[in-house]
Amino acid sequence: MSDFKWWHFRGEIILGCVRWYCEYRISYRDLEEMISEHGLDINHTRLYHRVQH
């Protein structure tokens, strides 16, 4: 998990979001809303950058 050393969220959460986006083609804004329902505050632009990374 050293790739996630300085990231704000745990690697499992980030990888889960990336997997959902790539597999189901959920929009970043819908994905942001889904994650916020679980009490996490992730901006859709941050998700975009993580997918691109």
Protein backbone atom coordinates (compact mmCIF):
# COMPACT_ATOMS: atom_id res chain seq x y z
CA MET A 1 0.00 0.00 0.00
CA SER A 2 2.98 2.36 -0.31
CA ASP A 3 1.35 3.86 -3.42
CA PHE A 4 -1.32 5.28 -1.10
CA LYS A 5 1.05 6.58 1.59
CA TRP A 6 0.15 10.28 1.36
CA TRP A 7 -3.46 9.94 0.27
CA HIS A 8 -6.22 11.06 2.59
CA PHE A 9 -8.33 7.90 2.28
CA ARG A 10 -7.41 4.25 2.70
CA GLY A 11 -6.29 2.43 -0.40
CA GLU A 12 -9.25 0.04 -0.33
CA ILE A 13 -11.70 2.93 -0.63
CA ILE A 14 -9.80 4.53 -3.48
CA LEU A 15 -9.41 1.26 -5.37
CA GLY A 16 -13.09 0.48 -4.85
CA CYS A 17 -14.08 3.80 -6.38
CA VAL A 18 -11.75 3.31 -9.32
CA ARG A 19 -13.07 -0.21 -9.85
CA TRP A 20 -16.71 0.97 -9.79
CA TYR A 21 -15.95 3.73 -12.25
CA CYS A 22 -14.09 1.47 -14.69
CA GLU A 23 -16.43 -1.51 -14.44
CA TYR A 24 -19.84 0.16 -14.34
CA ARG A 25 -19.08 3.52 -16.03
CA ILE A 26 -20.66 5.44 -13.18
CA SER A 27 -20.19 9.18 -13.54
CA TYR A 28 -17.78 10.82 -11.12
CA ARG A 29 -20.58 12.90 -9.64
CA ASP A 30 -22.79 9.83 -9.08
CA LEU A 31 -19.86 8.02 -7.53
CA GLU A 32 -19.22 11.02 -5.28
CA GLU A 33 -22.85 10.91 -4.16
CA MET A 34 -22.72 7.16 -3.49
CA ILE A 35 -19.61 7.51 -1.34
CA SER A 36 -21.03 10.50 0.55
CA GLU A 37 -24.01 8.34 1.56
CA HIS A 38 -21.50 6.24 3.50
CA GLY A 39 -20.17 9.26 5.35
CA LEU A 40 -17.06 9.96 3.27
CA ASP A 41 -16.37 13.29 1.62
CA ILE A 42 -14.61 12.67 -1.72
CA ASN A 43 -14.76 15.30 -4.43
CA HIS A 44 -15.52 14.14 -8.00
CA THR A 45 -12.37 15.86 -9.30
CA ARG A 46 -10.26 13.90 -6.81
CA LEU A 47 -11.83 10.69 -8.11
CA TYR A 48 -11.00 11.75 -11.65
CA HIS A 49 -7.35 12.27 -10.76
CA ARG A 50 -7.14 8.91 -9.00
CA VAL A 51 -8.62 7.10 -12.01
CA GLN A 52 -6.14 8.84 -14.30
CA HIS A 53 -3.27 7.94 -11.96
